[in-house]
PDB file of N, CA and C in Angstrom:
ATOM      1  N   MET A   1     145.388  66.819  99.147  1.00  0.00           N
ATOM      2  CA  MET A   1     144.200  67.625  99.323  1.00  0.00           C
ATOM      3  C   MET A   1     143.630  67.356 100.716  1.00  0.00           C
ATOM      4  N   GLN A   2     143.495  68.387 101.525  1.00  0.00           N
ATOM      5  CA  GLN A   2     142.880  68.244 102.837  1.00  0.00           C
ATOM      6  C   GLN A   2     141.580  69.038 102.845  1.00  0.00           C
ATOM      7  N   ILE A   3     140.559  68.451 103.428  1.00  0.00           N
ATOM      8  CA  ILE A   3     139.222  69.037 103.431  1.00  0.00           C
ATOM      9  C   ILE A   3     139.124  70.098 104.521  1.00  0.00           C
ATOM     10  N   PRO A   4     138.432  71.238 104.239  1.00  0.00           N
ATOM     11  CA  PRO A   4     138.290  72.306 105.228  1.00  0.00           C
ATOM     12  C   PRO A   4     137.581  71.834 106.507  1.00  0.00           C
ATOM     13  N   ARG A   5     137.956  72.417 107.634  1.00  0.00           N
ATOM     14  CA  ARG A   5     137.428  72.026 108.950  1.00  0.00           C
ATOM     15  C   ARG A   5     135.901  72.141 109.024  1.00  0.00           C
ATOM     16  N   ALA A   6     135.302  73.189 108.437  1.00  0.00           N
ATOM     17  CA  ALA A   6     133.846  73.363 108.494  1.00  0.00           C
ATOM     18  C   ALA A   6     133.128  72.168 107.870  1.00  0.00           C
ATOM     19  N   LEU A   7     133.669  71.646 106.795  1.00  0.00           N
ATOM     20  CA  LEU A   7     133.056  70.491 106.141  1.00  0.00           C
ATOM     21  C   LEU A   7     133.215  69.236 106.989  1.00  0.00           C
ATOM     22  N   THR A   8     134.314  69.127 107.711  1.00  0.00           N
ATOM     23  CA  THR A   8     134.504  67.952 108.564  1.00  0.00           C
ATOM     24  C   THR A   8     133.465  67.912 109.675  1.00  0.00           C
ATOM     25  N   ILE A   9     133.119  69.057 110.218  1.00  0.00           N
ATOM     26  CA  ILE A   9     132.110  69.107 111.281  1.00  0.00           C
ATOM     27  C   ILE A   9     130.743  68.715 110.735  1.00  0.00           C
ATOM     28  N   PHE A  10     130.389  69.244 109.562  1.00  0.00           N
ATOM     29  CA  PHE A  10     129.113  68.877 108.926  1.00  0.00           C
ATOM     30  C   PHE A  10     129.076  67.374 108.662  1.00  0.00           C
ATOM     31  N   ASN A  11     130.137  66.836 108.111  1.00  0.00           N
ATOM     32  CA  ASN A  11     130.177  65.399 107.817  1.00  0.00           C
ATOM     33  C   ASN A  11     130.051  64.561 109.082  1.00  0.00           C
ATOM     34  N   LYS A  12     130.720  64.964 110.145  1.00  0.00           N
ATOM     35  CA  LYS A  12     130.704  64.182 111.382  1.00  0.00           C
ATOM     36  C   LYS A  12     129.302  64.099 111.979  1.00  0.00           C
ATOM     37  N   TYR A  13     128.577  65.196 111.987  1.00  0.00           N
ATOM     38  CA  TYR A  13     127.285  65.220 112.675  1.00  0.00           C
ATOM     39  C   TYR A  13     126.076  65.008 111.770  1.00  0.00           C
ATOM     40  N   VAL A  14     126.218  65.172 110.462  1.00  0.00           N
ATOM     41  CA  VAL A  14     125.070  65.028 109.563  1.00  0.00           C
ATOM     42  C   VAL A  14     125.315  63.918 108.536  1.00  0.00           C
ATOM     43  N   ASN A  15     126.280  64.113 107.694  1.00  0.00           N
ATOM     44  CA  ASN A  15     126.526  63.208 106.575  1.00  0.00           C
ATOM     45  C   ASN A  15     126.880  61.790 107.026  1.00  0.00           C
ATOM     46  N   ASN A  16     127.734  61.654 108.031  1.00  0.00           N
ATOM     47  CA  ASN A  16     128.137  60.316 108.484  1.00  0.00           C
ATOM     48  C   ASN A  16     126.958  59.505 108.997  1.00  0.00           C
ATOM     49  N   ARG A  17     126.019  60.156 109.652  1.00  0.00           N
ATOM     50  CA  ARG A  17     124.844  59.434 110.166  1.00  0.00           C
ATOM     51  C   ARG A  17     123.989  58.893 109.033  1.00  0.00           C
ATOM     52  N   ILE A  18     123.877  59.656 107.978  1.00  0.00           N
ATOM     53  CA  ILE A  18     123.094  59.200 106.824  1.00  0.00           C
ATOM     54  C   ILE A  18     123.844  58.083 106.091  1.00  0.00           C
ATOM     55  N   GLN A  19     125.120  58.281 105.831  1.00  0.00           N
ATOM     56  CA  GLN A  19     125.909  57.279 105.109  1.00  0.00           C
ATOM     57  C   GLN A  19     126.039  55.973 105.882  1.00  0.00           C
ATOM     58  N   SER A  20     125.998  56.023 107.193  1.00  0.00           N
ATOM     59  CA  SER A  20     126.120  54.802 107.996  1.00  0.00           C
ATOM     60  C   SER A  20     124.974  53.828 107.743  1.00  0.00           C
ATOM     61  N   LEU A  21     123.867  54.331 107.226  1.00  0.00           N
ATOM     62  CA  LEU A  21     122.713  53.479 106.949  1.00  0.00           C
ATOM     63  C   LEU A  21     122.971  52.513 105.798  1.00  0.00           C
ATOM     64  N   TRP A  22     123.805  52.911 104.830  1.00  0.00           N
ATOM     65  CA  TRP A  22     123.993  52.086 103.636  1.00  0.00           C
ATOM     66  C   TRP A  22     125.452  51.810 103.265  1.00  0.00           C
ATOM     67  N   ALA A  23     126.396  52.525 103.825  1.00  0.00           N
ATOM     68  CA  ALA A  23     127.798  52.417 103.380  1.00  0.00           C
ATOM     69  C   ALA A  23     128.367  51.015 103.536  1.00  0.00           C
ATOM     70  N   TRP A  24     127.929  50.253 104.517  1.00  0.00           N
ATOM     71  CA  TRP A  24     128.479  48.917 104.749  1.00  0.00           C
ATOM     72  C   TRP A  24     128.031  47.917 103.695  1.00  0.00           C
ATOM     73  N   LEU A  25     127.068  48.313 102.867  1.00  0.00           N
ATOM     74  CA  LEU A  25     126.553  47.414 101.828  1.00  0.00           C
ATOM     75  C   LEU A  25     127.091  47.705 100.428  1.00  0.00           C
ATOM     76  N   VAL A  26     127.589  48.924 100.183  1.00  0.00           N
ATOM     77  CA  VAL A  26     127.889  49.384  98.833  1.00  0.00           C
ATOM     78  C   VAL A  26     129.375  49.706  98.655  1.00  0.00           C
ATOM     79  N   PRO A  27     130.187  48.735  98.195  1.00  0.00           N
ATOM     80  CA  PRO A  27     131.598  49.040  97.939  1.00  0.00           C
ATOM     81  C   PRO A  27     131.722  50.092  96.835  1.00  0.00           C
ATOM     82  N   PRO A  28     132.696  50.937  96.867  1.00  0.00           N
ATOM     83  CA  PRO A  28     133.879  50.955  97.729  1.00  0.00           C
ATOM     84  C   PRO A  28     133.653  51.607  99.085  1.00  0.00           C
ATOM     85  N   TRP A  29     132.401  51.970  99.410  1.00  0.00           N
ATOM     86  CA  TRP A  29     132.109  52.486 100.745  1.00  0.00           C
ATOM     87  C   TRP A  29     132.269  51.375 101.770  1.00  0.00           C
ATOM     88  N   ALA A  30     132.548  51.757 102.995  1.00  0.00           N
ATOM     89  CA  ALA A  30     132.693  50.802 104.095  1.00  0.00           C
ATOM     90  C   ALA A  30     132.478  51.551 105.408  1.00  0.00           C
ATOM     91  N   ILE A  31     132.305  50.802 106.467  1.00  0.00           N
ATOM     92  CA  ILE A  31     132.198  51.383 107.810  1.00  0.00           C
ATOM     93  C   ILE A  31     133.383  50.867 108.619  1.00  0.00           C
ATOM     94  N   ILE A  32     134.110  51.790 109.219  1.00  0.00           N
ATOM     95  CA  ILE A  32     135.207  51.404 110.105  1.00  0.00           C
ATOM     96  C   ILE A  32     134.701  51.508 111.535  1.00  0.00           C
ATOM     97  N   GLY A  33     134.823  50.406 112.266  1.00  0.00           N
ATOM     98  CA  GLY A  33     134.460  50.383 113.679  1.00  0.00           C
ATOM     99  C   GLY A  33     135.712  50.604 114.508  1.00  0.00           C
ATOM    100  N   HIS A  34     135.627  51.539 115.445  1.00  0.00           N
ATOM    101  CA  HIS A  34     136.782  51.849 116.286  1.00  0.00           C
ATOM    102  C   HIS A  34     136.309  52.227 117.678  1.00  0.00           C
ATOM    103  N   THR A  35     137.205  52.167 118.634  1.00  0.00           N
ATOM    104  CA  THR A  35     136.887  52.468 120.025  1.00  0.00           C
ATOM    105  C   THR A  35     137.567  53.760 120.436  1.00  0.00           C
ATOM    106  N   GLY A  36     136.821  54.631 121.102  1.00  0.00           N
ATOM    107  CA  GLY A  36     137.365  55.907 121.560  1.00  0.00           C
ATOM    108  C   GLY A  36     138.558  55.724 122.477  1.00  0.00           C
ATOM    109  N   ARG A  37     139.571  56.532 122.290  1.00  0.00           N
ATOM    110  CA  ARG A  37     140.798  56.430 123.090  1.00  0.00           C
ATOM    111  C   ARG A  37     140.546  56.749 124.557  1.00  0.00           C
ATOM    112  N   LYS A  38     139.718  57.742 124.834  1.00  0.00           N
ATOM    113  CA  LYS A  38     139.465  58.160 126.211  1.00  0.00           C
ATOM    114  C   LYS A  38     138.145  57.614 126.741  1.00  0.00           C
ATOM    115  N   SER A  39     137.114  57.658 125.917  1.00  0.00           N
ATOM    116  CA  SER A  39     135.779  57.270 126.371  1.00  0.00           C
ATOM    117  C   SER A  39     135.546  55.763 126.383  1.00  0.00           C
ATOM    118  N   GLY A  40     136.248  55.040 125.510  1.00  0.00           N
ATOM    119  CA  GLY A  40     136.012  53.608 125.378  1.00  0.00           C
ATOM    120  C   GLY A  40     134.729  53.301 124.615  1.00  0.00           C
ATOM    121  N   LYS A  41     134.082  54.331 124.103  1.00  0.00           N
ATOM    122  CA  LYS A  41     132.824  54.180 123.370  1.00  0.00           C
ATOM    123  C   LYS A  41     133.097  53.635 121.966  1.00  0.00           C
ATOM    124  N   ALA A  42     132.184  52.800 121.474  1.00  0.00           N
ATOM    125  CA  ALA A  42     132.304  52.251 120.119  1.00  0.00           C
ATOM    126  C   ALA A  42     131.774  53.263 119.114  1.00  0.00           C
ATOM    127  N   TYR A  43     132.530  53.483 118.056  1.00  0.00           N
ATOM    128  CA  TYR A  43     132.147  54.407 116.988  1.00  0.00           C
ATOM    129  C   TYR A  43     132.144  53.683 115.652  1.00  0.00           C
ATOM    130  N   ARG A  44     131.324  54.197 114.728  1.00  0.00           N
ATOM    131  CA  ARG A  44     131.254  53.678 113.359  1.00  0.00           C
ATOM    132  C   ARG A  44     131.392  54.869 112.414  1.00  0.00           C
ATOM    133  N   THR A  45     132.422  54.825 111.567  1.00  0.00           N
ATOM    134  CA  THR A  45     132.692  55.930 110.656  1.00  0.00           C
ATOM    135  C   THR A  45     132.663  55.435 109.217  1.00  0.00           C
ATOM    136  N   PRO A  46     131.798  56.027 108.357  1.00  0.00           N
ATOM    137  CA  PRO A  46     131.790  55.639 106.952  1.00  0.00           C
ATOM    138  C   PRO A  46     133.015  56.206 106.231  1.00  0.00           C
ATOM    139  N   VAL A  47     133.624  55.384 105.399  1.00  0.00           N
ATOM    140  CA  VAL A  47     134.802  55.790 104.635  1.00  0.00           C
ATOM    141  C   VAL A  47     134.690  55.245 103.211  1.00  0.00           C
ATOM    142  N   LEU A  48     135.474  55.809 102.344  1.00  0.00           N
ATOM    143  CA  LEU A  48     135.592  55.323 100.974  1.00  0.00           C
ATOM    144  C   LEU A  48     137.010  54.802 100.844  1.00  0.00           C
ATOM    145  N   GLY A  49     137.150  53.487 100.736  1.00  0.00           N
ATOM    146  CA  GLY A  49     138.480  52.899 100.708  1.00  0.00           C
ATOM    147  C   GLY A  49     138.522  51.681  99.811  1.00  0.00           C
ATOM    148  N   PHE A  50     139.713  51.163  99.619  1.00  0.00           N
ATOM    149  CA  PHE A  50     139.923  50.093  98.653  1.00  0.00           C
ATOM    150  C   PHE A  50     140.739  48.950  99.234  1.00  0.00           C
ATOM    151  N   VAL A  51     140.421  47.747  98.764  1.00  0.00           N
ATOM    152  CA  VAL A  51     141.113  46.536  99.178  1.00  0.00           C
ATOM    153  C   VAL A  51     142.188  46.214  98.151  1.00  0.00           C
ATOM    154  N   GLY A  52     143.343  45.811  98.626  1.00  0.00           N
ATOM    155  CA  GLY A  52     144.416  45.395  97.725  1.00  0.00           C
ATOM    156  C   GLY A  52     145.424  44.532  98.448  1.00  0.00           C
ATOM    157  N   ALA A  53     145.705  43.359  97.943  1.00  0.00           N
ATOM    158  CA  ALA A  53     146.739  42.452  98.465  1.00  0.00           C
ATOM    159  C   ALA A  53     146.670  42.258  99.972  1.00  0.00           C
ATOM    160  N   GLY A  54     145.487  41.914 100.473  1.00  0.00           N
ATOM    161  CA  GLY A  54     145.341  41.619 101.896  1.00  0.00           C
ATOM    162  C   GLY A  54     145.311  42.821 102.809  1.00  0.00           C
ATOM    163  N   CYS A  55     145.136  44.007 102.245  1.00  0.00           N
ATOM    164  CA  CYS A  55     145.074  45.203 103.085  1.00  0.00           C
ATOM    165  C   CYS A  55     143.929  46.100 102.628  1.00  0.00           C
ATOM    166  N   PHE A  56     143.601  47.066 103.445  1.00  0.00           N
ATOM    167  CA  PHE A  56     142.558  48.039 103.157  1.00  0.00           C
ATOM    168  C   PHE A  56     143.196  49.408 103.284  1.00  0.00           C
ATOM    169  N   ALA A  57     143.016  50.273 102.280  1.00  0.00           N
ATOM    170  CA  ALA A  57     143.626  51.606 102.281  1.00  0.00           C
ATOM    171  C   ALA A  57     142.559  52.685 102.204  1.00  0.00           C
ATOM    172  N   VAL A  58     142.677  53.677 103.071  1.00  0.00           N
ATOM    173  CA  VAL A  58     141.759  54.815 103.103  1.00  0.00           C
ATOM    174  C   VAL A  58     142.594  56.092 103.094  1.00  0.00           C
ATOM    175  N   PRO A  59     142.406  56.965 102.090  1.00  0.00           N
ATOM    176  CA  PRO A  59     143.138  58.227 102.127  1.00  0.00           C
ATOM    177  C   PRO A  59     142.687  59.055 103.325  1.00  0.00           C
ATOM    178  N   ILE A  60     143.607  59.712 103.970  1.00  0.00           N
ATOM    179  CA  ILE A  60     143.290  60.519 105.149  1.00  0.00           C
ATOM    180  C   ILE A  60     143.044  61.947 104.675  1.00  0.00           C
ATOM    181  N   LEU A  61     141.822  62.186 104.215  1.00  0.00           N
ATOM    182  CA  LEU A  61     141.462  63.478 103.635  1.00  0.00           C
ATOM    183  C   LEU A  61     141.295  64.581 104.677  1.00  0.00           C
ATOM    184  N   TYR A  62     141.036  64.217 105.927  1.00  0.00           N
ATOM    185  CA  TYR A  62     140.816  65.200 106.983  1.00  0.00           C
ATOM    186  C   TYR A  62     142.047  65.437 107.839  1.00  0.00           C
ATOM    187  N   GLY A  63     143.153  64.803 107.514  1.00  0.00           N
ATOM    188  CA  GLY A  63     144.375  64.967 108.283  1.00  0.00           C
ATOM    189  C   GLY A  63     144.586  63.822 109.261  1.00  0.00           C
ATOM    190  N   GLU A  64     145.814  63.632 109.680  1.00  0.00           N
ATOM    191  CA  GLU A  64     146.185  62.513 110.540  1.00  0.00           C
ATOM    192  C   GLU A  64     145.686  62.655 111.969  1.00  0.00           C
ATOM    193  N   GLN A  65     145.165  63.811 112.349  1.00  0.00           N
ATOM    194  CA  GLN A  65     144.638  64.017 113.700  1.00  0.00           C
ATOM    195  C   GLN A  65     143.146  63.701 113.783  1.00  0.00           C
ATOM    196  N   THR A  66     142.581  63.139 112.725  1.00  0.00           N
ATOM    197  CA  THR A  66     141.184  62.750 112.720  1.00  0.00           C
ATOM    198  C   THR A  66     140.954  61.673 113.776  1.00  0.00           C
ATOM    199  N   ASP A  67     139.820  61.767 114.466  1.00  0.00           N
ATOM    200  CA  ASP A  67     139.546  60.846 115.575  1.00  0.00           C
ATOM    201  C   ASP A  67     139.616  59.381 115.170  1.00  0.00           C
ATOM    202  N   TRP A  68     138.989  59.005 114.054  1.00  0.00           N
ATOM    203  CA  TRP A  68     138.970  57.583 113.697  1.00  0.00           C
ATOM    204  C   TRP A  68     140.382  57.065 113.413  1.00  0.00           C
ATOM    205  N   VAL A  69     141.229  57.895 112.841  1.00  0.00           N
ATOM    206  CA  VAL A  69     142.616  57.489 112.568  1.00  0.00           C
ATOM    207  C   VAL A  69     143.363  57.297 113.886  1.00  0.00           C
ATOM    208  N   ARG A  70     143.259  58.261 114.775  1.00  0.00           N
ATOM    209  CA  ARG A  70     143.945  58.179 116.062  1.00  0.00           C
ATOM    210  C   ARG A  70     143.437  57.000 116.887  1.00  0.00           C
ATOM    211  N   ASN A  71     142.118  56.747 116.837  1.00  0.00           N
ATOM    212  CA  ASN A  71     141.547  55.626 117.593  1.00  0.00           C
ATOM    213  C   ASN A  71     142.055  54.287 117.076  1.00  0.00           C
ATOM    214  N   LEU A  72     142.080  54.113 115.752  1.00  0.00           N
ATOM    215  CA  LEU A  72     142.571  52.851 115.184  1.00  0.00           C
ATOM    216  C   LEU A  72     144.037  52.616 115.536  1.00  0.00           C
ATOM    217  N   LEU A  73     144.842  53.666 115.440  1.00  0.00           N
ATOM    218  CA  LEU A  73     146.263  53.526 115.754  1.00  0.00           C
ATOM    219  C   LEU A  73     146.469  53.204 117.236  1.00  0.00           C
ATOM    220  N   ALA A  74     145.717  53.872 118.119  1.00  0.00           N
ATOM    221  CA  ALA A  74     145.868  53.641 119.565  1.00  0.00           C
ATOM    222  C   ALA A  74     145.445  52.224 119.957  1.00  0.00           C
ATOM    223  N   ALA A  75     144.390  51.713 119.317  1.00  0.00           N
ATOM    224  CA  ALA A  75     143.886  50.370 119.650  1.00  0.00           C
ATOM    225  C   ALA A  75     144.589  49.279 118.852  1.00  0.00           C
ATOM    226  N   ASP A  76     145.441  49.670 117.925  1.00  0.00           N
ATOM    227  CA  ASP A  76     146.130  48.743 117.029  1.00  0.00           C
ATOM    228  C   ASP A  76     145.148  47.893 116.223  1.00  0.00           C
ATOM    229  N   GLY A  77     144.042  48.525 115.821  1.00  0.00           N
ATOM    230  CA  GLY A  77     143.092  47.828 114.960  1.00  0.00           C
ATOM    231  C   GLY A  77     141.656  48.231 115.224  1.00  0.00           C
ATOM    232  N   GLY A  78     140.772  47.563 114.511  1.00  0.00           N
ATOM    233  CA  GLY A  78     139.342  47.820 114.614  1.00  0.00           C
ATOM    234  C   GLY A  78     138.624  46.843 113.709  1.00  0.00           C
ATOM    235  N   THR A  79     137.456  47.253 113.223  1.00  0.00           N
ATOM    236  CA  THR A  79     136.696  46.393 112.321  1.00  0.00           C
ATOM    237  C   THR A  79     136.366  47.136 111.041  1.00  0.00           C
ATOM    238  N   LEU A  80     136.104  46.364 110.018  1.00  0.00           N
ATOM    239  CA  LEU A  80     135.708  46.899 108.721  1.00  0.00           C
ATOM    240  C   LEU A  80     134.431  46.184 108.313  1.00  0.00           C
ATOM    241  N   HIS A  81     133.390  46.934 108.012  1.00  0.00           N
ATOM    242  CA  HIS A  81     132.128  46.382 107.528  1.00  0.00           C
ATOM    243  C   HIS A  81     131.996  46.814 106.072  1.00  0.00           C
ATOM    244  N   ARG A  82     132.029  45.832 105.177  1.00  0.00           N
ATOM    245  CA  ARG A  82     132.040  46.146 103.751  1.00  0.00           C
ATOM    246  C   ARG A  82     131.313  45.044 102.982  1.00  0.00           C
ATOM    247  N   ALA A  83     130.420  45.445 102.100  1.00  0.00           N
ATOM    248  CA  ALA A  83     129.678  44.518 101.245  1.00  0.00           C
ATOM    249  C   ALA A  83     128.978  43.430 102.062  1.00  0.00           C
ATOM    250  N   GLY A  84     128.428  43.821 103.210  1.00  0.00           N
ATOM    251  CA  GLY A  84     127.686  42.883 104.029  1.00  0.00           C
ATOM    252  C   GLY A  84     128.532  41.916 104.832  1.00  0.00           C
ATOM    253  N   ARG A  85     129.828  42.138 104.893  1.00  0.00           N
ATOM    254  CA  ARG A  85     130.723  41.256 105.645  1.00  0.00           C
ATOM    255  C   ARG A  85     131.516  42.083 106.653  1.00  0.00           C
ATOM    256  N   ARG A  86     131.984  41.405 107.679  1.00  0.00           N
ATOM    257  CA  ARG A  86     132.773  42.054 108.726  1.00  0.00           C
ATOM    258  C   ARG A  86     134.186  41.492 108.683  1.00  0.00           C
ATOM    259  N   TYR A  87     135.167  42.375 108.734  1.00  0.00           N
ATOM    260  CA  TYR A  87     136.574  41.990 108.718  1.00  0.00           C
ATOM    261  C   TYR A  87     137.273  42.616 109.916  1.00  0.00           C
ATOM    262  N   GLU A  88     138.321  41.987 110.347  1.00  0.00           N
ATOM    263  CA  GLU A  88     139.174  42.564 111.382  1.00  0.00           C
ATOM    264  C   GLU A  88     140.250  43.403 110.689  1.00  0.00           C
ATOM    265  N   LEU A  89     140.493  44.600 111.202  1.00  0.00           N
ATOM    266  CA  LEU A  89     141.594  45.429 110.720  1.00  0.00           C
ATOM    267  C   LEU A  89     142.723  45.311 111.732  1.00  0.00           C
ATOM    268  N   ARG A  90     143.881  44.930 111.257  1.00  0.00           N
ATOM    269  CA  ARG A  90     145.042  44.729 112.122  1.00  0.00           C
ATOM    270  C   ARG A  90     146.203  45.583 111.637  1.00  0.00           C
ATOM    271  N   GLU A  91     147.061  45.901 112.561  1.00  0.00           N
ATOM    272  CA  GLU A  91     148.303  46.621 112.259  1.00  0.00           C
ATOM    273  C   GLU A  91     148.063  47.875 111.413  1.00  0.00           C
ATOM    274  N   PRO A  92     147.184  48.770 111.859  1.00  0.00           N
ATOM    275  CA  PRO A  92     146.980  49.994 111.087  1.00  0.00           C
ATOM    276  C   PRO A  92     148.238  50.860 111.117  1.00  0.00           C
ATOM    277  N   ARG A  93     148.481  51.514 110.025  1.00  0.00           N
ATOM    278  CA  ARG A  93     149.650  52.383 109.932  1.00  0.00           C
ATOM    279  C   ARG A  93     149.377  53.482 108.923  1.00  0.00           C
ATOM    280  N   ILE A  94     150.082  54.577 109.075  1.00  0.00           N
ATOM    281  CA  ILE A  94     149.957  55.687 108.132  1.00  0.00           C
ATOM    282  C   ILE A  94     151.084  55.556 107.125  1.00  0.00           C
ATOM    283  N   VAL A  95     150.704  55.595 105.866  1.00  0.00           N
ATOM    284  CA  VAL A  95     151.659  55.415 104.777  1.00  0.00           C
ATOM    285  C   VAL A  95     151.620  56.655 103.881  1.00  0.00           C
ATOM    286  N   PRO A  96     152.767  57.231 103.554  1.00  0.00           N
ATOM    287  CA  PRO A  96     152.772  58.355 102.616  1.00  0.00           C
ATOM    288  C   PRO A  96     152.187  57.923 101.263  1.00  0.00           C
ATOM    289  N   ALA A  97     151.456  58.806 100.626  1.00  0.00           N
ATOM    290  CA  ALA A  97     150.799  58.480  99.357  1.00  0.00           C
ATOM    291  C   ALA A  97     151.782  57.954  98.317  1.00  0.00           C
ATOM    292  N   ALA A  98     152.995  58.460  98.314  1.00  0.00           N
ATOM    293  CA  ALA A  98     153.994  58.042  97.325  1.00  0.00           C
ATOM    294  C   ALA A  98     154.362  56.564  97.461  1.00  0.00           C
ATOM    295  N   GLU A  99     154.121  55.968  98.631  1.00  0.00           N
ATOM    296  CA  GLU A  99     154.476  54.566  98.846  1.00  0.00           C
ATOM    297  C   GLU A  99     153.333  53.594  98.542  1.00  0.00           C
ATOM    298  N   ILE A 100     152.171  54.098  98.202  1.00  0.00           N
ATOM    299  CA  ILE A 100     151.026  53.227  97.917  1.00  0.00           C
ATOM    300  C   ILE A 100     151.192  52.645  96.525  1.00  0.00           C
ATOM    301  N   THR A 101     151.147  51.313  96.438  1.00  0.00           N
ATOM    302  CA  THR A 101     151.418  50.640  95.172  1.00  0.00           C
ATOM    303  C   THR A 101     150.164  50.081  94.500  1.00  0.00           C
ATOM    304  N   MET A 102     148.984  50.319  95.060  1.00  0.00           N
ATOM    305  CA  MET A 102     147.751  49.825  94.442  1.00  0.00           C
ATOM    306  C   MET A 102     147.621  50.423  93.041  1.00  0.00           C
ATOM    307  N   ARG A 103     147.050  49.653  92.139  1.00  0.00           N
ATOM    308  CA  ARG A 103     146.874  50.119  90.764  1.00  0.00           C
ATOM    309  C   ARG A 103     145.424  50.503  90.513  1.00  0.00           C
ATOM    310  N   GLY A 104     145.181  51.132  89.393  1.00  0.00           N
ATOM    311  CA  GLY A 104     143.831  51.458  88.967  1.00  0.00           C
ATOM    312  C   GLY A 104     143.185  52.549  89.803  1.00  0.00           C
ATOM    313  N   LEU A 105     141.850  52.561  89.799  1.00  0.00           N
ATOM    314  CA  LEU A 105     141.090  53.584  90.504  1.00  0.00           C
ATOM    315  C   LEU A 105     141.384  53.577  92.001  1.00  0.00           C
ATOM    316  N   GLY A 106     141.472  52.394  92.597  1.00  0.00           N
ATOM    317  CA  GLY A 106     141.771  52.304  94.025  1.00  0.00           C
ATOM    318  C   GLY A 106     143.089  52.965  94.381  1.00  0.00           C
ATOM    319  N   GLY A 107     144.104  52.731  93.588  1.00  0.00           N
ATOM    320  CA  GLY A 107     145.410  53.334  93.836  1.00  0.00           C
ATOM    321  C   GLY A 107     145.399  54.840  93.656  1.00  0.00           C
ATOM    322  N   ARG A 108     144.721  55.307  92.616  1.00  0.00           N
ATOM    323  CA  ARG A 108     144.632  56.756  92.395  1.00  0.00           C
ATOM    324  C   ARG A 108     143.898  57.441  93.536  1.00  0.00           C
ATOM    325  N   TYR A 109     142.791  56.840  93.979  1.00  0.00           N
ATOM    326  CA  TYR A 109     142.029  57.427  95.082  1.00  0.00           C
ATOM    327  C   TYR A 109     142.847  57.406  96.374  1.00  0.00           C
ATOM    328  N   ALA A 110     143.518  56.305  96.650  1.00  0.00           N
ATOM    329  CA  ALA A 110     144.310  56.185  97.876  1.00  0.00           C
ATOM    330  C   ALA A 110     145.446  57.202  97.911  1.00  0.00           C
ATOM    331  N   ARG A 111     145.878  57.682  96.743  1.00  0.00           N
ATOM    332  CA  ARG A 111     146.959  58.672  96.681  1.00  0.00           C
ATOM    333  C   ARG A 111     146.446  60.109  96.608  1.00  0.00           C
ATOM    334  N   LEU A 112     145.135  60.333  96.774  1.00  0.00           N
ATOM    335  CA  LEU A 112     144.577  61.690  96.736  1.00  0.00           C
ATOM    336  C   LEU A 112     145.103  62.570  97.858  1.00  0.00           C
ATOM    337  N   ALA A 113     145.221  62.004  99.034  1.00  0.00           N
ATOM    338  CA  ALA A 113     145.687  62.750 100.196  1.00  0.00           C
ATOM    339  C   ALA A 113     147.193  62.551 100.347  1.00  0.00           C
ATOM    340  N   PRO A 114     147.836  63.374 101.161  1.00  0.00           N
ATOM    341  CA  PRO A 114     149.279  63.201 101.380  1.00  0.00           C
ATOM    342  C   PRO A 114     149.631  61.845 101.994  1.00  0.00           C
ATOM    343  N   SER A 115     148.663  61.247 102.724  1.00  0.00           N
ATOM    344  CA  SER A 115     148.906  59.944 103.348  1.00  0.00           C
ATOM    345  C   SER A 115     147.608  59.158 103.399  1.00  0.00           C
ATOM    346  N   ALA A 116     147.760  57.863 103.668  1.00  0.00           N
ATOM    347  CA  ALA A 116     146.598  56.975 103.782  1.00  0.00           C
ATOM    348  C   ALA A 116     146.781  56.086 104.996  1.00  0.00           C
ATOM    349  N   LEU A 117     145.658  55.681 105.569  1.00  0.00           N
ATOM    350  CA  LEU A 117     145.704  54.683 106.623  1.00  0.00           C
ATOM    351  C   LEU A 117     145.581  53.339 105.934  1.00  0.00           C
ATOM    352  N   VAL A 118     146.527  52.466 106.198  1.00  0.00           N
ATOM    353  CA  VAL A 118     146.536  51.135 105.611  1.00  0.00           C
ATOM    354  C   VAL A 118     146.520  50.138 106.760  1.00  0.00           C
ATOM    355  N   ALA A 119     145.668  49.108 106.636  1.00  0.00           N
ATOM    356  CA  ALA A 119     145.590  48.077 107.672  1.00  0.00           C
ATOM    357  C   ALA A 119     145.478  46.719 107.016  1.00  0.00           C
ATOM    358  N   THR A 120     146.020  45.722 107.673  1.00  0.00           N
ATOM    359  CA  THR A 120     145.907  44.335 107.209  1.00  0.00           C
ATOM    360  C   THR A 120     144.493  43.856 107.497  1.00  0.00           C
ATOM    361  N   ILE A 121     143.914  43.114 106.548  1.00  0.00           N
ATOM    362  CA  ILE A 121     142.562  42.593 106.727  1.00  0.00           C
ATOM    363  C   ILE A 121     142.645  41.179 107.274  1.00  0.00           C
ATOM    364  N   GLY A 122     141.909  40.964 108.377  1.00  0.00           N
ATOM    365  CA  GLY A 122     141.857  39.643 108.994  1.00  0.00           C
ATOM    366  C   GLY A 122     140.659  38.860 108.504  1.00  0.00           C
ATOM    367  N   PRO A 123     140.320  37.780 109.190  1.00  0.00           N
ATOM    368  CA  PRO A 123     139.217  36.898 108.771  1.00  0.00           C
ATOM    369  C   PRO A 123     137.895  37.646 108.664  1.00  0.00           C
ATOM    370  N   SER A 124     137.033  37.171 107.776  1.00  0.00           N
ATOM    371  CA  SER A 124     135.729  37.794 107.593  1.00  0.00           C
ATOM    372  C   SER A 124     134.631  36.893 108.137  1.00  0.00           C
ATOM    373  N   ALA A 125     133.489  37.503 108.356  1.00  0.00           N
ATOM    374  CA  ALA A 125     132.301  36.769 108.777  1.00  0.00           C
ATOM    375  C   ALA A 125     131.078  37.506 108.247  1.00  0.00           C
ATOM    376  N   ALA A 126     130.035  36.776 107.911  1.00  0.00           N
ATOM    377  CA  ALA A 126     128.811  37.418 107.436  1.00  0.00           C
ATOM    378  C   ALA A 126     128.193  38.229 108.566  1.00  0.00           C
ATOM    379  N   LEU A 127     127.700  39.411 108.244  1.00  0.00           N
ATOM    380  CA  LEU A 127     127.026  40.242 109.237  1.00  0.00           C
ATOM    381  C   LEU A 127     125.600  39.759 109.403  1.00  0.00           C
ATOM    382  N   ARG A 128     125.091  39.872 110.604  1.00  0.00           N
ATOM    383  CA  ARG A 128     123.690  39.492 110.855  1.00  0.00           C
ATOM    384  C   ARG A 128     122.956  40.626 111.479  1.00  0.00           C
TER     385      ARG A 128
END
């Protein structure tokens, strides 16, 4: 399932700003921190994703050309802010939904889109 382009624009400029206020505190919501490929500017994007076996998986509902996906892949990582903690995201990669082995609700959600961005989770630290 891929979300229509009109909704992606609304989410980018309206919904994401509102969700950024609380998403880093309320799992399964999280904030992915990434750096712009061309601008070098720091961005924060709210996502709904799941942790499993040392990794974090987010279905790519807007397609693989989404800015946050391309930025994470180009920088070979970023940050994850979830449940009041900060984690390093390493070795991001796009995985076809059929290869996702997570079980339960997290696995079903991660397989909603044709592919998911999966990254290894590094050390955590409390956010201040």
